[in-house]
Amino acid sequence: MSEPLNTQHSADHIHPCPYLPAVTETLPSTHTRPFRAECSQSFYNACHELAQSQWLQARPAQAILQLDKAMMAKLPADTPILSQLPIPYQPILWIIEHSAENAFLGNPVRHFQHLASRMNWKQPQPELRIARAWCCLHLCEARFSTALYPRDFVQIEREQLHVPSFDQALQILESTSPHTNEVDLVKQLCQ
């Protein structure tokens, strides 16, 4: 049985992310599992719900990981769920911006660099998810201090990794995404 959601963190109240669905109880880490095989709308929604639950438990890094998983969902072109829950670039940025200093966030830029460059090709839509990860990296760099969240330059040098420019990442996204507004959403969030 799930517990009521405790949204207290130290003395500070954690406000729900306005870009994620409301949850009224702490969701188990297995919340998405029943929908994983079909990996479509139910999975996408469950990942967003679990992200909100993780956020409200002061686990921003875990919330972002759930939104990474949401980006695996195989959604038909411009499916109606996207009008309620767009591809989760905005909640990712909101979570980074609103994370408490004492909550583990990690380095989002490095996270997205590693996600893009070490993609599991056995999971759904790897090319699309790589493009989305590069876009997330560039959105983070546009919004947050690169001194606070630097790239992994050791990996770049050691692996001779080519990080696509923002424009290149957008071109890859445009060629792989079935959703007509996704590139526009990313451009809008980068301003």
C-alpha atoms as a PDB file:
ATOM      1  CA  MET A   1       0.000   0.000   0.000  1.00  0.00           C
ATOM      2  CA  SER A   2       1.311   3.445  -0.888  1.00  0.00           C
ATOM      3  CA  GLU A   3       2.021   6.048   1.741  1.00  0.00           C
ATOM      4  CA  PRO A   4       0.556   9.557   1.719  1.00  0.00           C
ATOM      5  CA  LEU A   5       3.002  11.864   0.036  1.00  0.00           C
ATOM      6  CA  ASN A   6       5.180  13.786   2.486  1.00  0.00           C
ATOM      7  CA  THR A   7       6.197  16.995   0.773  1.00  0.00           C
ATOM      8  CA  GLN A   8       8.269  18.340   3.647  1.00  0.00           C
ATOM      9  CA  HIS A   9      12.010  18.574   3.129  1.00  0.00           C
ATOM     10  CA  SER A  10      13.903  19.961   6.088  1.00  0.00           C
ATOM     11  CA  ALA A  11      12.074  23.155   6.962  1.00  0.00           C
ATOM     12  CA  ASP A  12      11.196  23.914   3.362  1.00  0.00           C
ATOM     13  CA  HIS A  13       8.006  22.929   1.586  1.00  0.00           C
ATOM     14  CA  ILE A  14       8.539  21.329  -1.798  1.00  0.00           C
ATOM     15  CA  HIS A  15       6.073  22.587  -4.348  1.00  0.00           C
ATOM     16  CA  PRO A  16       4.949  20.194  -7.086  1.00  0.00           C
ATOM     17  CA  CYS A  17       6.441  20.698 -10.509  1.00  0.00           C
ATOM     18  CA  PRO A  18       3.713  22.518 -12.480  1.00  0.00           C
ATOM     19  CA  TYR A  19       4.704  20.681 -15.672  1.00  0.00           C
ATOM     20  CA  LEU A  20       4.087  17.212 -14.231  1.00  0.00           C
ATOM     21  CA  PRO A  21       0.817  15.488 -13.273  1.00  0.00           C
ATOM     22  CA  ALA A  22      -0.349  15.736  -9.675  1.00  0.00           C
ATOM     23  CA  VAL A  23       0.199  12.742  -7.414  1.00  0.00           C
ATOM     24  CA  THR A  24      -1.375  12.235  -4.000  1.00  0.00           C
ATOM     25  CA  GLU A  25       0.777   9.408  -2.689  1.00  0.00           C
ATOM     26  CA  THR A  26       4.363   8.242  -2.799  1.00  0.00           C
ATOM     27  CA  LEU A  27       4.684   6.039  -5.854  1.00  0.00           C
ATOM     28  CA  PRO A  28       6.908   2.947  -5.790  1.00  0.00           C
ATOM     29  CA  SER A  29       9.915   2.771  -8.069  1.00  0.00           C
ATOM     30  CA  THR A  30       8.066  -0.028  -9.888  1.00  0.00           C
ATOM     31  CA  HIS A  31       5.214   2.326 -10.891  1.00  0.00           C
ATOM     32  CA  THR A  32       6.185   2.275 -14.582  1.00  0.00           C
ATOM     33  CA  ARG A  33       6.918  -1.464 -14.788  1.00  0.00           C
ATOM     34  CA  PRO A  34       3.406  -2.649 -15.815  1.00  0.00           C
ATOM     35  CA  PHE A  35       3.594  -0.352 -18.865  1.00  0.00           C
ATOM     36  CA  ARG A  36       7.231  -0.917 -19.857  1.00  0.00           C
ATOM     37  CA  ALA A  37       6.611  -3.632 -22.446  1.00  0.00           C
ATOM     38  CA  GLU A  38       4.145  -1.550 -24.466  1.00  0.00           C
ATOM     39  CA  CYS A  39       6.267   1.579 -23.916  1.00  0.00           C
ATOM     40  CA  SER A  40       3.639   3.992 -25.230  1.00  0.00           C
ATOM     41  CA  GLN A  41       1.123   6.443 -23.739  1.00  0.00           C
ATOM     42  CA  SER A  42       0.528   4.652 -20.419  1.00  0.00           C
ATOM     43  CA  PHE A  43       4.269   4.273 -19.900  1.00  0.00           C
ATOM     44  CA  TYR A  44       4.842   7.923 -20.850  1.00  0.00           C
ATOM     45  CA  ASN A  45       2.215   9.098 -18.360  1.00  0.00           C
ATOM     46  CA  ALA A  46       3.467   6.770 -15.599  1.00  0.00           C
ATOM     47  CA  CYS A  47       7.031   8.085 -16.034  1.00  0.00           C
ATOM     48  CA  HIS A  48       5.740  11.640 -15.578  1.00  0.00           C
ATOM     49  CA  GLU A  49       3.779  10.609 -12.473  1.00  0.00           C
ATOM     50  CA  LEU A  50       6.804   8.871 -10.973  1.00  0.00           C
ATOM     51  CA  ALA A  51       8.967  11.902 -11.776  1.00  0.00           C
ATOM     52  CA  GLN A  52       6.569  14.088  -9.771  1.00  0.00           C
ATOM     53  CA  SER A  53       6.625  11.609  -6.875  1.00  0.00           C
ATOM     54  CA  GLN A  54      10.442  11.544  -6.907  1.00  0.00           C
ATOM     55  CA  TRP A  55      10.577  15.345  -7.075  1.00  0.00           C
ATOM     56  CA  LEU A  56       8.235  15.688  -4.092  1.00  0.00           C
ATOM     57  CA  GLN A  57      10.499  13.333  -2.137  1.00  0.00           C
ATOM     58  CA  ALA A  58      13.443  15.698  -2.779  1.00  0.00           C
ATOM     59  CA  ARG A  59      15.028  13.384  -5.358  1.00  0.00           C
ATOM     60  CA  PRO A  60      15.578  15.662  -8.366  1.00  0.00           C
ATOM     61  CA  ALA A  61      18.135  13.394 -10.066  1.00  0.00           C
ATOM     62  CA  GLN A  62      15.718  10.473  -9.844  1.00  0.00           C
ATOM     63  CA  ALA A  63      12.916  12.656 -11.215  1.00  0.00           C
ATOM     64  CA  ILE A  64      15.073  13.543 -14.228  1.00  0.00           C
ATOM     65  CA  LEU A  65      15.865   9.865 -14.797  1.00  0.00           C
ATOM     66  CA  GLN A  66      12.136   9.141 -14.980  1.00  0.00           C
ATOM     67  CA  LEU A  67      11.740  11.883 -17.575  1.00  0.00           C
ATOM     68  CA  ASP A  68      14.634  10.343 -19.534  1.00  0.00           C
ATOM     69  CA  LYS A  69      12.613   7.118 -19.522  1.00  0.00           C
ATOM     70  CA  ALA A  70       9.508   8.985 -20.709  1.00  0.00           C
ATOM     71  CA  MET A  71      11.476   9.993 -23.798  1.00  0.00           C
ATOM     72  CA  MET A  72      11.680   6.291 -24.734  1.00  0.00           C
ATOM     73  CA  ALA A  73       7.921   6.061 -25.198  1.00  0.00           C
ATOM     74  CA  LYS A  74       6.789   5.311 -28.719  1.00  0.00           C
ATOM     75  CA  LEU A  75       4.088   7.914 -29.239  1.00  0.00           C
ATOM     76  CA  PRO A  76       2.285   8.304 -32.568  1.00  0.00           C
ATOM     77  CA  ALA A  77       2.845  11.583 -34.365  1.00  0.00           C
ATOM     78  CA  ASP A  78       1.311  14.441 -32.412  1.00  0.00           C
ATOM     79  CA  THR A  79      -0.658  12.109 -30.145  1.00  0.00           C
ATOM     80  CA  PRO A  80      -3.212  13.916 -27.924  1.00  0.00           C
ATOM     81  CA  ILE A  81      -1.311  13.161 -24.685  1.00  0.00           C
ATOM     82  CA  LEU A  82       1.348  15.647 -25.857  1.00  0.00           C
ATOM     83  CA  SER A  83      -1.128  18.512 -25.485  1.00  0.00           C
ATOM     84  CA  GLN A  84      -1.277  17.711 -21.748  1.00  0.00           C
ATOM     85  CA  LEU A  85       2.273  16.413 -21.285  1.00  0.00           C
ATOM     86  CA  PRO A  86       4.662  17.696 -23.961  1.00  0.00           C
ATOM     87  CA  ILE A  87       8.026  15.991 -24.405  1.00  0.00           C
ATOM     88  CA  PRO A  88       9.508  16.752 -20.955  1.00  0.00           C
ATOM     89  CA  TYR A  89      12.132  19.386 -21.706  1.00  0.00           C
ATOM     90  CA  GLN A  90      10.337  22.010 -19.607  1.00  0.00           C
ATOM     91  CA  PRO A  91       9.917  19.898 -16.452  1.00  0.00           C
ATOM     92  CA  ILE A  92      13.589  18.897 -16.653  1.00  0.00           C
ATOM     93  CA  LEU A  93      14.653  22.545 -16.715  1.00  0.00           C
ATOM     94  CA  TRP A  94      12.183  23.437 -13.960  1.00  0.00           C
ATOM     95  CA  ILE A  95      13.488  20.641 -11.709  1.00  0.00           C
ATOM     96  CA  ILE A  96      17.098  21.749 -12.203  1.00  0.00           C
ATOM     97  CA  GLU A  97      16.199  25.374 -11.493  1.00  0.00           C
ATOM     98  CA  HIS A  98      14.171  24.575  -8.366  1.00  0.00           C
ATOM     99  CA  SER A  99      16.336  21.871  -6.783  1.00  0.00           C
ATOM    100  CA  ALA A 100      17.366  22.485  -3.193  1.00  0.00           C
ATOM    101  CA  GLU A 101      21.098  22.716  -2.582  1.00  0.00           C
ATOM    102  CA  ASN A 102      20.991  19.722  -0.247  1.00  0.00           C
ATOM    103  CA  ALA A 103      19.058  17.491  -2.675  1.00  0.00           C
ATOM    104  CA  PHE A 104      21.165  15.347  -5.019  1.00  0.00           C
ATOM    105  CA  LEU A 105      20.929  16.683  -8.552  1.00  0.00           C
ATOM    106  CA  GLY A 106      24.314  15.760  -9.926  1.00  0.00           C
ATOM    107  CA  ASN A 107      25.581  17.530 -13.041  1.00  0.00           C
ATOM    108  CA  PRO A 108      22.756  17.642 -15.605  1.00  0.00           C
ATOM    109  CA  VAL A 109      25.045  18.670 -18.479  1.00  0.00           C
ATOM    110  CA  ARG A 110      27.358  15.730 -17.826  1.00  0.00           C
ATOM    111  CA  HIS A 111      24.323  13.461 -17.371  1.00  0.00           C
ATOM    112  CA  PHE A 112      22.909  14.348 -20.786  1.00  0.00           C
ATOM    113  CA  GLN A 113      26.352  14.084 -22.409  1.00  0.00           C
ATOM    114  CA  HIS A 114      26.722  10.568 -21.026  1.00  0.00           C
ATOM    115  CA  LEU A 115      23.141   9.657 -21.940  1.00  0.00           C
ATOM    116  CA  ALA A 116      23.687  10.758 -25.544  1.00  0.00           C
ATOM    117  CA  SER A 117      27.108   9.185 -25.958  1.00  0.00           C
ATOM    118  CA  ARG A 118      26.421   5.914 -24.147  1.00  0.00           C
ATOM    119  CA  MET A 119      22.921   5.153 -25.358  1.00  0.00           C
ATOM    120  CA  ASN A 120      21.552   1.659 -24.883  1.00  0.00           C
ATOM    121  CA  TRP A 121      20.648   0.655 -28.444  1.00  0.00           C
ATOM    122  CA  LYS A 122      18.455  -2.188 -27.198  1.00  0.00           C
ATOM    123  CA  GLN A 123      15.909   0.260 -25.787  1.00  0.00           C
ATOM    124  CA  PRO A 124      13.299   1.970 -27.971  1.00  0.00           C
ATOM    125  CA  GLN A 125      14.110   4.857 -30.308  1.00  0.00           C
ATOM    126  CA  PRO A 126      17.830   5.278 -29.599  1.00  0.00           C
ATOM    127  CA  GLU A 127      18.469   7.805 -32.390  1.00  0.00           C
ATOM    128  CA  LEU A 128      15.600  10.016 -31.251  1.00  0.00           C
ATOM    129  CA  ARG A 129      16.671   9.743 -27.613  1.00  0.00           C
ATOM    130  CA  ILE A 130      20.251  10.681 -28.517  1.00  0.00           C
ATOM    131  CA  ALA A 131      18.978  13.804 -30.297  1.00  0.00           C
ATOM    132  CA  ARG A 132      16.801  14.658 -27.287  1.00  0.00           C
ATOM    133  CA  ALA A 133      19.722  14.182 -24.888  1.00  0.00           C
ATOM    134  CA  TRP A 134      21.931  16.531 -26.944  1.00  0.00           C
ATOM    135  CA  CYS A 135      19.101  19.073 -26.985  1.00  0.00           C
ATOM    136  CA  CYS A 136      18.787  18.762 -23.190  1.00  0.00           C
ATOM    137  CA  LEU A 137      22.534  19.330 -22.832  1.00  0.00           C
ATOM    138  CA  HIS A 138      22.304  22.531 -24.878  1.00  0.00           C
ATOM    139  CA  LEU A 139      19.187  23.711 -23.020  1.00  0.00           C
ATOM    140  CA  CYS A 140      20.999  23.222 -19.709  1.00  0.00           C
ATOM    141  CA  GLU A 141      24.049  25.095 -20.967  1.00  0.00           C
ATOM    142  CA  ALA A 142      21.837  27.949 -22.192  1.00  0.00           C
ATOM    143  CA  ARG A 143      19.960  28.223 -18.888  1.00  0.00           C
ATOM    144  CA  PHE A 144      22.550  27.387 -16.209  1.00  0.00           C
ATOM    145  CA  SER A 145      26.165  28.178 -15.412  1.00  0.00           C
ATOM    146  CA  THR A 146      28.638  26.038 -17.342  1.00  0.00           C
ATOM    147  CA  ALA A 147      31.047  26.623 -14.441  1.00  0.00           C
ATOM    148  CA  LEU A 148      28.521  24.928 -12.147  1.00  0.00           C
ATOM    149  CA  TYR A 149      27.582  22.236 -14.683  1.00  0.00           C
ATOM    150  CA  PRO A 150      30.548  21.652 -17.026  1.00  0.00           C
ATOM    151  CA  ARG A 151      30.784  19.055 -19.752  1.00  0.00           C
ATOM    152  CA  ASP A 152      32.843  15.925 -19.122  1.00  0.00           C
ATOM    153  CA  PHE A 153      35.973  17.081 -20.897  1.00  0.00           C
ATOM    154  CA  VAL A 154      37.876  13.950 -19.873  1.00  0.00           C
ATOM    155  CA  GLN A 155      35.384  11.831 -21.825  1.00  0.00           C
ATOM    156  CA  ILE A 156      35.445  14.270 -24.760  1.00  0.00           C
ATOM    157  CA  GLU A 157      39.236  14.069 -24.978  1.00  0.00           C
ATOM    158  CA  ARG A 158      39.608  10.359 -24.198  1.00  0.00           C
ATOM    159  CA  GLU A 159      36.897   9.216 -26.623  1.00  0.00           C
ATOM    160  CA  GLN A 160      37.385  12.016 -29.179  1.00  0.00           C
ATOM    161  CA  LEU A 161      33.686  12.659 -28.655  1.00  0.00           C
ATOM    162  CA  HIS A 162      31.996  15.045 -31.059  1.00  0.00           C
ATOM    163  CA  VAL A 163      29.313  17.052 -29.290  1.00  0.00           C
ATOM    164  CA  PRO A 164      26.931  18.367 -31.937  1.00  0.00           C
ATOM    165  CA  SER A 165      26.180  22.073 -31.901  1.00  0.00           C
ATOM    166  CA  PHE A 166      22.715  23.170 -30.868  1.00  0.00           C
ATOM    167  CA  ASP A 167      21.742  23.644 -34.531  1.00  0.00           C
ATOM    168  CA  GLN A 168      23.068  20.184 -35.420  1.00  0.00           C
ATOM    169  CA  ALA A 169      21.158  18.640 -32.498  1.00  0.00           C
ATOM    170  CA  LEU A 170      17.979  20.374 -33.697  1.00  0.00           C
ATOM    171  CA  GLN A 171      18.514  19.041 -37.224  1.00  0.00           C
ATOM    172  CA  ILE A 172      18.911  15.495 -35.890  1.00  0.00           C
ATOM    173  CA  LEU A 173      15.827  15.964 -33.727  1.00  0.00           C
ATOM    174  CA  GLU A 174      13.823  17.240 -36.696  1.00  0.00           C
ATOM    175  CA  SER A 175      14.818  14.213 -38.775  1.00  0.00           C
ATOM    176  CA  THR A 176      13.978  11.673 -36.041  1.00  0.00           C
ATOM    177  CA  SER A 177      10.981  13.081 -34.151  1.00  0.00           C
ATOM    178  CA  PRO A 178       7.467  12.287 -35.377  1.00  0.00           C
ATOM    179  CA  HIS A 179       6.118  15.338 -33.522  1.00  0.00           C
ATOM    180  CA  THR A 180       5.705  18.535 -35.526  1.00  0.00           C
ATOM    181  CA  ASN A 181       6.133  20.911 -32.577  1.00  0.00           C
ATOM    182  CA  GLU A 182       9.069  19.295 -30.788  1.00  0.00           C
ATOM    183  CA  VAL A 183      11.820  21.316 -32.471  1.00  0.00           C
ATOM    184  CA  ASP A 184       9.856  24.543 -31.939  1.00  0.00           C
ATOM    185  CA  LEU A 185       9.424  23.658 -28.249  1.00  0.00           C
ATOM    186  CA  VAL A 186      13.170  23.201 -27.809  1.00  0.00           C
ATOM    187  CA  LYS A 187      13.941  26.463 -29.632  1.00  0.00           C
ATOM    188  CA  GLN A 188      11.424  28.323 -27.487  1.00  0.00           C
ATOM    189  CA  LEU A 189      12.922  26.957 -24.261  1.00  0.00           C
ATOM    190  CA  CYS A 190      16.421  27.965 -25.357  1.00  0.00           C
ATOM    191  CA  GLN A 191      15.524  31.661 -25.598  1.00  0.00           C
END
